[in-house]
């Protein structure tokens, strides 16, 4: 596969550079992510989970007592999507939400005992996924991949500030408070 980006001659009618589909890093990354996501979703289905639900459970375990909005920032998604998933996981007995004593408007999320049990099985699946990826790469390639992902995440403004704390009050939309 050609890794060089082809260039047009200056006399070419189009000044836009063309990149063949299979030579496009964006396409190849998307295709790889799609295949891995489908496999991951299939494995999670055995636990009755979707990928967003699994991400919320894992992030909740990793960041105990995190507020909903902070959880949404960690996952780089909108707070209402996280709220809906958290509500479903809470209804299933895997998560519990409480309000902060110092600010009753902020909902914080924690795992229940049942959620901790589920995390054991979820961690096994996540470890198998990671092991599968590492089995196809040398240690150097894996470290390079992680470093390249970190560079691209920073370039896209993805990630969360480890030093930040939840300062802003969490305001739920009025329609959500009525339910």
N, C-alpha and C. Protein backbone atom coordinates (compact mmCIF):
# COMPACT_ATOMS: atom_id res chain seq x y z
N UNK A 1 0.85 -1.18 0.00
CA UNK A 1 0.00 0.00 0.00
C UNK A 1 0.89 1.24 0.00
N UNK A 2 0.58 2.17 -0.84
CA UNK A 2 1.35 3.41 -0.95
C UNK A 2 1.09 4.29 0.25
N UNK A 3 2.16 4.71 0.96
CA UNK A 3 1.98 5.55 2.14
C UNK A 3 2.25 7.02 1.84
N UNK A 4 2.70 7.31 0.63
CA UNK A 4 2.92 8.71 0.26
C UNK A 4 1.63 9.32 -0.25
N UNK A 5 1.43 10.59 0.09
CA UNK A 5 0.26 11.30 -0.41
C UNK A 5 0.60 11.79 -1.81
N UNK A 6 -0.16 11.31 -2.82
CA UNK A 6 0.13 11.74 -4.19
C UNK A 6 -0.14 13.24 -4.36
N UNK A 7 0.66 13.88 -5.19
CA UNK A 7 0.50 15.31 -5.44
C UNK A 7 0.23 15.53 -6.92
N UNK A 8 -0.61 16.52 -7.19
CA UNK A 8 -0.89 16.89 -8.58
C UNK A 8 0.19 17.83 -9.09
N UNK A 9 0.37 17.82 -10.40
CA UNK A 9 1.27 18.79 -11.01
C UNK A 9 0.66 20.17 -10.86
N UNK A 10 1.51 21.18 -10.80
CA UNK A 10 1.00 22.55 -10.65
C UNK A 10 0.10 22.94 -11.81
N UNK A 11 0.31 22.36 -12.98
CA UNK A 11 -0.51 22.68 -14.14
C UNK A 11 -1.84 21.94 -14.14
N UNK A 12 -2.07 21.11 -13.14
CA UNK A 12 -3.30 20.31 -13.05
C UNK A 12 -4.51 21.21 -12.86
N UNK A 13 -5.66 20.84 -13.47
CA UNK A 13 -6.86 21.66 -13.32
C UNK A 13 -7.34 21.75 -11.87
N UNK A 14 -7.02 20.76 -11.05
CA UNK A 14 -7.46 20.77 -9.65
C UNK A 14 -6.26 20.99 -8.75
N UNK A 15 -6.40 21.92 -7.82
CA UNK A 15 -5.30 22.15 -6.88
C UNK A 15 -5.47 21.31 -5.62
N UNK A 16 -6.54 20.52 -5.55
CA UNK A 16 -6.80 19.68 -4.39
C UNK A 16 -6.03 18.37 -4.54
N UNK A 17 -5.35 17.98 -3.47
CA UNK A 17 -4.62 16.72 -3.49
C UNK A 17 -5.60 15.58 -3.32
N UNK A 18 -5.35 14.49 -4.03
CA UNK A 18 -6.21 13.32 -3.93
C UNK A 18 -5.48 12.23 -3.16
N UNK A 19 -6.23 11.55 -2.32
CA UNK A 19 -5.68 10.43 -1.56
C UNK A 19 -6.62 9.26 -1.81
N UNK A 20 -6.06 8.14 -2.27
CA UNK A 20 -6.87 6.95 -2.48
C UNK A 20 -7.49 6.52 -1.15
N UNK A 21 -8.69 6.00 -1.22
CA UNK A 21 -9.43 5.62 -0.02
C UNK A 21 -8.59 4.74 0.90
N UNK A 22 -8.02 3.66 0.37
CA UNK A 22 -7.26 2.73 1.19
C UNK A 22 -5.93 3.31 1.68
N UNK A 23 -5.51 4.45 1.13
CA UNK A 23 -4.29 5.11 1.59
C UNK A 23 -4.60 6.19 2.63
N UNK A 24 -5.86 6.42 2.90
CA UNK A 24 -6.27 7.46 3.83
C UNK A 24 -6.21 6.95 5.27
N UNK A 25 -5.43 7.61 6.10
CA UNK A 25 -5.33 7.22 7.51
C UNK A 25 -6.69 7.32 8.19
N UNK A 26 -7.45 8.36 7.87
CA UNK A 26 -8.77 8.53 8.47
C UNK A 26 -9.70 7.38 8.16
N UNK A 27 -9.75 6.98 6.88
CA UNK A 27 -10.59 5.85 6.49
C UNK A 27 -10.15 4.57 7.19
N UNK A 28 -8.85 4.32 7.18
CA UNK A 28 -8.34 3.09 7.77
C UNK A 28 -8.59 3.04 9.27
N UNK A 29 -8.41 4.16 9.94
CA UNK A 29 -8.71 4.21 11.38
C UNK A 29 -10.20 3.96 11.63
N UNK A 30 -11.04 4.61 10.84
CA UNK A 30 -12.49 4.43 10.99
C UNK A 30 -12.89 2.98 10.78
N UNK A 31 -12.33 2.37 9.75
CA UNK A 31 -12.65 0.97 9.45
C UNK A 31 -12.21 0.07 10.61
N UNK A 32 -11.01 0.29 11.10
CA UNK A 32 -10.50 -0.52 12.21
C UNK A 32 -11.35 -0.33 13.46
N UNK A 33 -11.68 0.91 13.77
CA UNK A 33 -12.51 1.19 14.94
C UNK A 33 -13.88 0.54 14.79
N UNK A 34 -14.46 0.61 13.61
CA UNK A 34 -15.78 0.02 13.37
C UNK A 34 -15.75 -1.48 13.62
N UNK A 35 -14.74 -2.17 13.10
CA UNK A 35 -14.64 -3.62 13.28
C UNK A 35 -14.43 -3.97 14.75
N UNK A 36 -13.53 -3.26 15.42
CA UNK A 36 -13.27 -3.54 16.84
C UNK A 36 -14.49 -3.20 17.69
N UNK A 37 -15.20 -2.13 17.35
CA UNK A 37 -16.39 -1.74 18.11
C UNK A 37 -17.49 -2.80 17.96
N UNK A 38 -17.66 -3.33 16.75
CA UNK A 38 -18.67 -4.37 16.53
C UNK A 38 -18.35 -5.62 17.35
N UNK A 39 -17.09 -6.01 17.38
CA UNK A 39 -16.69 -7.17 18.18
C UNK A 39 -16.93 -6.90 19.67
N UNK A 40 -16.55 -5.71 20.11
CA UNK A 40 -16.73 -5.32 21.51
C UNK A 40 -18.21 -5.33 21.87
N UNK A 41 -19.04 -4.79 21.01
CA UNK A 41 -20.49 -4.76 21.27
C UNK A 41 -21.04 -6.19 21.38
N UNK A 42 -20.57 -7.08 20.52
CA UNK A 42 -21.02 -8.47 20.59
C UNK A 42 -20.63 -9.13 21.90
N UNK A 43 -19.42 -8.87 22.35
CA UNK A 43 -18.98 -9.44 23.63
C UNK A 43 -19.77 -8.84 24.80
N UNK A 44 -20.01 -7.52 24.74
CA UNK A 44 -20.76 -6.87 25.81
C UNK A 44 -22.20 -7.37 25.87
N UNK A 45 -22.74 -7.74 24.71
CA UNK A 45 -24.10 -8.26 24.66
C UNK A 45 -24.29 -9.47 25.56
N UNK A 46 -23.23 -10.24 25.77
CA UNK A 46 -23.32 -11.40 26.66
C UNK A 46 -23.56 -10.98 28.10
N UNK A 47 -23.22 -9.74 28.42
CA UNK A 47 -23.46 -9.20 29.77
C UNK A 47 -24.71 -8.33 29.81
N UNK A 48 -25.37 -8.16 28.65
CA UNK A 48 -26.54 -7.30 28.60
C UNK A 48 -26.20 -5.83 28.60
N UNK A 49 -25.01 -5.50 28.08
CA UNK A 49 -24.54 -4.11 28.07
C UNK A 49 -24.29 -3.62 26.65
N UNK A 50 -24.36 -2.31 26.48
CA UNK A 50 -23.95 -1.65 25.25
C UNK A 50 -22.58 -1.02 25.49
N UNK A 51 -21.85 -0.68 24.42
CA UNK A 51 -20.56 -0.01 24.64
C UNK A 51 -20.65 1.27 25.47
N UNK A 52 -21.64 2.16 25.25
CA UNK A 52 -21.71 3.35 26.12
C UNK A 52 -21.94 2.99 27.59
N UNK A 53 -22.77 1.99 27.85
CA UNK A 53 -23.01 1.58 29.23
C UNK A 53 -21.73 1.03 29.86
N UNK A 54 -21.01 0.22 29.11
CA UNK A 54 -19.75 -0.34 29.62
C UNK A 54 -18.75 0.77 29.91
N UNK A 55 -18.68 1.77 29.03
CA UNK A 55 -17.76 2.89 29.23
C UNK A 55 -18.13 3.64 30.52
N UNK A 56 -19.41 3.84 30.74
CA UNK A 56 -19.85 4.54 31.95
C UNK A 56 -19.50 3.73 33.20
N UNK A 57 -19.73 2.44 33.16
CA UNK A 57 -19.38 1.59 34.31
C UNK A 57 -17.88 1.63 34.58
N UNK A 58 -17.08 1.52 33.53
CA UNK A 58 -15.62 1.53 33.71
C UNK A 58 -15.14 2.88 34.22
N UNK A 59 -15.68 3.96 33.67
CA UNK A 59 -15.28 5.30 34.11
C UNK A 59 -15.73 5.55 35.55
N UNK A 60 -16.90 5.03 35.92
CA UNK A 60 -17.38 5.19 37.29
C UNK A 60 -16.47 4.46 38.27
N UNK A 61 -16.05 3.27 37.89
CA UNK A 61 -15.11 2.52 38.73
C UNK A 61 -13.78 3.27 38.86
N UNK A 62 -13.31 3.81 37.75
CA UNK A 62 -12.01 4.49 37.75
C UNK A 62 -12.05 5.85 38.43
N UNK A 63 -13.22 6.48 38.50
CA UNK A 63 -13.38 7.82 39.07
C UNK A 63 -14.56 7.81 40.04
N UNK A 64 -14.40 7.14 41.17
CA UNK A 64 -15.49 6.99 42.14
C UNK A 64 -16.03 8.36 42.56
N UNK A 65 -17.35 8.43 42.66
CA UNK A 65 -17.98 9.64 43.15
C UNK A 65 -17.92 10.82 42.20
N UNK A 66 -17.72 10.55 40.93
CA UNK A 66 -17.63 11.61 39.94
C UNK A 66 -19.03 12.12 39.59
N UNK A 67 -19.16 13.42 39.40
CA UNK A 67 -20.43 14.02 39.01
C UNK A 67 -20.76 13.65 37.57
N UNK A 68 -22.05 13.69 37.25
CA UNK A 68 -22.51 13.33 35.90
C UNK A 68 -21.80 14.15 34.82
N UNK A 69 -21.71 15.44 35.01
CA UNK A 69 -21.06 16.28 33.98
C UNK A 69 -19.58 15.95 33.82
N UNK A 70 -18.91 15.69 34.93
CA UNK A 70 -17.50 15.31 34.86
C UNK A 70 -17.36 13.96 34.15
N UNK A 71 -18.29 13.06 34.42
CA UNK A 71 -18.29 11.77 33.75
C UNK A 71 -18.47 11.95 32.25
N UNK A 72 -19.38 12.83 31.86
CA UNK A 72 -19.59 13.12 30.43
C UNK A 72 -18.32 13.69 29.80
N UNK A 73 -17.62 14.56 30.53
CA UNK A 73 -16.35 15.11 29.99
C UNK A 73 -15.31 14.02 29.86
N UNK A 74 -15.24 13.12 30.84
CA UNK A 74 -14.29 12.01 30.77
C UNK A 74 -14.54 11.17 29.52
N UNK A 75 -15.82 10.95 29.21
CA UNK A 75 -16.19 10.12 28.06
C UNK A 75 -16.29 10.90 26.76
N UNK A 76 -16.10 12.21 26.85
CA UNK A 76 -16.19 13.10 25.69
C UNK A 76 -17.54 12.95 24.97
N UNK A 77 -18.62 13.03 25.76
CA UNK A 77 -19.97 12.94 25.22
C UNK A 77 -20.86 13.92 25.97
N UNK A 78 -22.10 14.04 25.53
CA UNK A 78 -22.98 15.02 26.17
C UNK A 78 -23.57 14.47 27.46
N UNK A 79 -23.84 15.37 28.38
CA UNK A 79 -24.32 15.01 29.71
C UNK A 79 -25.67 14.30 29.67
N UNK A 80 -26.56 14.67 28.75
CA UNK A 80 -27.88 14.04 28.70
C UNK A 80 -27.77 12.57 28.28
N UNK A 81 -26.87 12.24 27.37
CA UNK A 81 -26.67 10.84 26.98
C UNK A 81 -26.15 10.04 28.17
N UNK A 82 -25.22 10.62 28.89
CA UNK A 82 -24.69 9.95 30.08
C UNK A 82 -25.79 9.77 31.11
N UNK A 83 -26.60 10.81 31.31
CA UNK A 83 -27.69 10.74 32.29
C UNK A 83 -28.65 9.61 31.96
N UNK A 84 -29.02 9.49 30.68
CA UNK A 84 -29.94 8.42 30.27
C UNK A 84 -29.33 7.05 30.53
N UNK A 85 -28.06 6.87 30.19
CA UNK A 85 -27.40 5.58 30.43
C UNK A 85 -27.27 5.32 31.93
N UNK A 86 -26.90 6.33 32.69
CA UNK A 86 -26.77 6.17 34.14
C UNK A 86 -28.11 5.78 34.74
N UNK A 87 -29.17 6.44 34.30
CA UNK A 87 -30.51 6.10 34.81
C UNK A 87 -30.84 4.63 34.52
N UNK A 88 -30.53 4.15 33.31
CA UNK A 88 -30.79 2.75 32.95
C UNK A 88 -29.96 1.81 33.82
N UNK A 89 -28.69 2.14 34.00
CA UNK A 89 -27.81 1.29 34.81
C UNK A 89 -28.22 1.32 36.28
N UNK A 90 -28.74 2.45 36.73
CA UNK A 90 -29.24 2.56 38.10
C UNK A 90 -30.51 1.71 38.25
N UNK A 91 -31.39 1.75 37.26
CA UNK A 91 -32.61 0.92 37.29
C UNK A 91 -32.28 -0.57 37.32
N UNK A 92 -31.16 -0.94 36.73
CA UNK A 92 -30.75 -2.35 36.71
C UNK A 92 -29.96 -2.74 37.96
N UNK A 93 -29.72 -1.78 38.84
CA UNK A 93 -29.06 -2.07 40.11
C UNK A 93 -27.55 -2.08 40.07
N UNK A 94 -26.95 -1.55 39.02
CA UNK A 94 -25.49 -1.57 38.90
C UNK A 94 -24.84 -0.27 39.33
N UNK A 95 -25.58 0.82 39.29
CA UNK A 95 -25.09 2.13 39.72
C UNK A 95 -26.06 2.74 40.73
N UNK A 96 -25.55 3.68 41.49
CA UNK A 96 -26.39 4.47 42.37
C UNK A 96 -25.95 5.93 42.22
N UNK A 97 -26.93 6.81 42.18
CA UNK A 97 -26.60 8.24 42.15
C UNK A 97 -27.09 8.87 43.45
N UNK A 98 -26.30 9.80 43.92
CA UNK A 98 -26.66 10.56 45.10
C UNK A 98 -26.36 12.02 44.81
N UNK A 99 -26.81 12.88 45.67
CA UNK A 99 -26.49 14.30 45.51
C UNK A 99 -25.36 14.66 46.48
N UNK A 100 -24.60 15.65 46.10
CA UNK A 100 -23.53 16.13 46.95
C UNK A 100 -24.12 16.88 48.13
N UNK A 101 -23.51 16.66 49.27
CA UNK A 101 -23.97 17.38 50.46
C UNK A 101 -23.75 18.87 50.33
N UNK A 102 -22.64 19.26 49.73
CA UNK A 102 -22.32 20.69 49.63
C UNK A 102 -23.05 21.39 48.49
N UNK A 103 -23.62 20.62 47.55
CA UNK A 103 -24.39 21.20 46.45
C UNK A 103 -25.38 20.15 45.97
N UNK A 104 -26.61 20.24 46.44
CA UNK A 104 -27.63 19.24 46.17
C UNK A 104 -28.00 19.15 44.68
N UNK A 105 -27.57 20.11 43.87
CA UNK A 105 -27.88 20.07 42.44
C UNK A 105 -26.97 19.12 41.67
N UNK A 106 -25.87 18.71 42.28
CA UNK A 106 -24.88 17.88 41.60
C UNK A 106 -25.13 16.42 41.95
N UNK A 107 -25.36 15.60 40.90
CA UNK A 107 -25.52 14.15 41.07
C UNK A 107 -24.18 13.47 40.87
N UNK A 108 -23.81 12.64 41.82
CA UNK A 108 -22.58 11.86 41.71
C UNK A 108 -22.95 10.39 41.51
N UNK A 109 -22.06 9.67 40.87
CA UNK A 109 -22.33 8.29 40.45
C UNK A 109 -21.33 7.35 41.10
N UNK A 110 -21.84 6.23 41.60
CA UNK A 110 -20.99 5.18 42.18
C UNK A 110 -21.54 3.82 41.79
N UNK A 111 -20.66 2.82 41.83
CA UNK A 111 -21.08 1.44 41.60
C UNK A 111 -21.77 0.89 42.84
N UNK A 112 -22.74 0.02 42.63
CA UNK A 112 -23.34 -0.73 43.72
C UNK A 112 -22.54 -2.02 43.89
N UNK A 113 -22.90 -2.82 44.89
CA UNK A 113 -22.25 -4.12 45.07
C UNK A 113 -22.48 -4.99 43.83
N UNK A 114 -23.69 -4.95 43.27
CA UNK A 114 -23.97 -5.70 42.03
C UNK A 114 -23.14 -5.16 40.88
N UNK A 115 -22.96 -3.85 40.84
CA UNK A 115 -22.12 -3.23 39.81
C UNK A 115 -20.67 -3.66 39.93
N UNK A 116 -20.18 -3.79 41.16
CA UNK A 116 -18.80 -4.27 41.38
C UNK A 116 -18.64 -5.70 40.87
N UNK A 117 -19.65 -6.53 41.11
CA UNK A 117 -19.62 -7.91 40.61
C UNK A 117 -19.58 -7.92 39.08
N UNK A 118 -20.43 -7.10 38.47
CA UNK A 118 -20.47 -7.01 37.02
C UNK A 118 -19.12 -6.53 36.47
N UNK A 119 -18.48 -5.62 37.20
CA UNK A 119 -17.18 -5.09 36.75
C UNK A 119 -16.14 -6.20 36.62
N UNK A 120 -16.21 -7.21 37.46
CA UNK A 120 -15.26 -8.32 37.34
C UNK A 120 -15.37 -8.98 35.98
N UNK A 121 -16.61 -9.23 35.53
CA UNK A 121 -16.81 -9.86 34.21
C UNK A 121 -16.47 -8.88 33.09
N UNK A 122 -16.83 -7.61 33.28
CA UNK A 122 -16.52 -6.59 32.28
C UNK A 122 -15.02 -6.41 32.13
N UNK A 123 -14.31 -6.41 33.26
CA UNK A 123 -12.84 -6.30 33.21
C UNK A 123 -12.21 -7.47 32.46
N UNK A 124 -12.78 -8.67 32.62
CA UNK A 124 -12.26 -9.83 31.87
C UNK A 124 -12.39 -9.60 30.37
N UNK A 125 -13.55 -9.10 29.94
CA UNK A 125 -13.75 -8.82 28.51
C UNK A 125 -12.82 -7.72 28.02
N UNK A 126 -12.70 -6.65 28.82
CA UNK A 126 -11.83 -5.53 28.42
C UNK A 126 -10.38 -5.98 28.34
N UNK A 127 -9.96 -6.81 29.30
CA UNK A 127 -8.59 -7.31 29.28
C UNK A 127 -8.35 -8.18 28.05
N UNK A 128 -9.33 -9.02 27.71
CA UNK A 128 -9.19 -9.87 26.52
C UNK A 128 -9.09 -9.01 25.26
N UNK A 129 -9.87 -7.94 25.18
CA UNK A 129 -9.80 -7.02 24.03
C UNK A 129 -8.41 -6.39 23.95
N UNK A 130 -7.91 -5.92 25.07
CA UNK A 130 -6.59 -5.27 25.09
C UNK A 130 -5.50 -6.29 24.76
N UNK A 131 -5.62 -7.49 25.32
CA UNK A 131 -4.63 -8.53 25.04
C UNK A 131 -4.62 -8.88 23.56
N UNK A 132 -5.81 -8.95 22.94
CA UNK A 132 -5.91 -9.24 21.52
C UNK A 132 -5.17 -8.18 20.71
N UNK A 133 -5.34 -6.94 21.07
CA UNK A 133 -4.65 -5.86 20.37
C UNK A 133 -3.14 -5.99 20.56
N UNK A 134 -2.71 -6.21 21.79
CA UNK A 134 -1.28 -6.31 22.08
C UNK A 134 -0.65 -7.54 21.43
N UNK A 135 -1.42 -8.62 21.28
CA UNK A 135 -0.89 -9.83 20.66
C UNK A 135 -0.52 -9.61 19.20
N UNK A 136 -1.12 -8.63 18.57
CA UNK A 136 -0.84 -8.36 17.15
C UNK A 136 0.25 -7.31 16.95
N UNK A 137 0.74 -6.74 18.05
CA UNK A 137 1.76 -5.68 17.96
C UNK A 137 2.95 -6.03 18.86
N UNK A 138 4.12 -5.62 18.41
CA UNK A 138 5.27 -5.74 19.30
C UNK A 138 5.12 -4.69 20.40
N UNK A 139 5.90 -4.82 21.46
CA UNK A 139 5.84 -3.83 22.54
C UNK A 139 6.13 -2.43 21.99
N UNK A 140 7.11 -2.33 21.11
CA UNK A 140 7.47 -1.02 20.55
C UNK A 140 6.33 -0.46 19.70
N UNK A 141 5.70 -1.32 18.89
CA UNK A 141 4.57 -0.85 18.07
C UNK A 141 3.41 -0.42 18.95
N UNK A 142 3.14 -1.19 20.01
CA UNK A 142 2.04 -0.84 20.91
C UNK A 142 2.31 0.51 21.57
N UNK A 143 3.52 0.70 22.08
CA UNK A 143 3.86 1.97 22.72
C UNK A 143 3.78 3.12 21.72
N UNK A 144 4.21 2.88 20.48
CA UNK A 144 4.11 3.91 19.44
C UNK A 144 2.66 4.23 19.13
N UNK A 145 1.81 3.20 19.09
CA UNK A 145 0.39 3.42 18.84
C UNK A 145 -0.22 4.28 19.94
N UNK A 146 0.06 3.94 21.19
CA UNK A 146 -0.49 4.71 22.32
C UNK A 146 0.02 6.14 22.26
N UNK A 147 1.28 6.34 21.95
CA UNK A 147 1.84 7.69 21.85
C UNK A 147 1.19 8.46 20.70
N UNK A 148 0.99 7.81 19.55
CA UNK A 148 0.35 8.48 18.41
C UNK A 148 -1.10 8.83 18.74
N UNK A 149 -1.81 7.94 19.42
CA UNK A 149 -3.19 8.24 19.82
C UNK A 149 -3.20 9.44 20.74
N UNK A 150 -2.28 9.50 21.68
CA UNK A 150 -2.22 10.63 22.62
C UNK A 150 -1.99 11.94 21.87
N UNK A 151 -1.10 11.93 20.89
CA UNK A 151 -0.84 13.14 20.10
C UNK A 151 -2.11 13.56 19.36
N UNK A 152 -2.78 12.61 18.73
CA UNK A 152 -4.01 12.93 17.99
C UNK A 152 -5.12 13.40 18.93
N UNK A 153 -5.24 12.80 20.09
CA UNK A 153 -6.25 13.25 21.06
C UNK A 153 -5.99 14.68 21.48
N UNK A 154 -4.74 15.00 21.78
CA UNK A 154 -4.41 16.39 22.16
C UNK A 154 -4.73 17.34 21.01
N UNK A 155 -4.41 16.94 19.79
CA UNK A 155 -4.68 17.79 18.63
C UNK A 155 -6.17 18.05 18.46
N UNK A 156 -6.99 17.07 18.85
CA UNK A 156 -8.45 17.20 18.72
C UNK A 156 -9.10 17.74 20.00
N UNK A 157 -8.30 18.00 21.02
CA UNK A 157 -8.84 18.51 22.28
C UNK A 157 -9.60 17.45 23.06
N UNK A 158 -9.21 16.20 22.89
CA UNK A 158 -9.88 15.10 23.58
C UNK A 158 -9.09 14.75 24.83
N UNK A 159 -9.82 14.40 25.86
CA UNK A 159 -9.19 14.00 27.12
C UNK A 159 -9.71 14.89 28.22
N UNK A 160 -9.39 14.53 29.42
CA UNK A 160 -9.86 15.37 30.51
C UNK A 160 -8.70 15.74 31.41
N UNK A 161 -8.83 16.88 32.01
CA UNK A 161 -7.79 17.42 32.88
C UNK A 161 -7.82 16.66 34.19
N UNK A 162 -6.76 15.93 34.49
CA UNK A 162 -6.71 15.12 35.71
C UNK A 162 -6.84 15.97 36.96
N UNK A 163 -6.41 17.21 36.89
CA UNK A 163 -6.45 18.06 38.08
C UNK A 163 -7.76 18.78 38.29
N UNK A 164 -8.68 18.66 37.36
CA UNK A 164 -9.92 19.42 37.50
C UNK A 164 -10.87 18.76 38.47
N UNK A 165 -11.65 19.57 39.13
CA UNK A 165 -12.71 19.06 40.00
C UNK A 165 -14.01 19.67 39.54
N UNK A 166 -15.08 19.04 39.92
CA UNK A 166 -16.40 19.50 39.51
C UNK A 166 -16.76 20.74 40.31
N UNK A 167 -16.75 21.90 39.69
CA UNK A 167 -17.08 23.14 40.36
C UNK A 167 -18.46 23.64 40.02
N UNK A 168 -18.87 23.41 38.78
CA UNK A 168 -20.14 23.98 38.32
C UNK A 168 -21.31 23.16 38.83
N UNK A 169 -22.40 23.81 39.20
CA UNK A 169 -23.57 23.06 39.61
C UNK A 169 -24.15 22.32 38.42
N UNK A 170 -24.63 21.14 38.68
CA UNK A 170 -25.22 20.33 37.61
C UNK A 170 -26.71 20.63 37.55
N UNK A 171 -27.13 21.22 36.46
CA UNK A 171 -28.52 21.60 36.30
C UNK A 171 -29.17 20.65 35.32
N UNK A 172 -30.13 19.91 35.77
CA UNK A 172 -30.87 19.02 34.90
C UNK A 172 -31.95 19.83 34.20
N UNK A 173 -32.26 19.50 32.95
CA UNK A 173 -33.38 20.18 32.27
C UNK A 173 -34.66 19.96 33.05
N UNK A 174 -35.54 20.96 33.02
CA UNK A 174 -36.77 20.91 33.80
C UNK A 174 -37.58 19.66 33.52
N UNK A 175 -37.67 19.25 32.24
CA UNK A 175 -38.48 18.08 31.92
C UNK A 175 -37.95 16.84 32.61
N UNK A 176 -36.63 16.75 32.81
CA UNK A 176 -36.06 15.59 33.46
C UNK A 176 -36.39 15.56 34.95
N UNK A 177 -36.51 16.73 35.58
CA UNK A 177 -36.80 16.78 37.00
C UNK A 177 -38.21 16.33 37.30
N UNK A 178 -39.11 16.42 36.33
CA UNK A 178 -40.50 16.05 36.57
C UNK A 178 -40.71 14.55 36.55
N UNK A 179 -39.78 13.81 35.97
CA UNK A 179 -39.98 12.36 35.86
C UNK A 179 -39.68 11.62 37.13
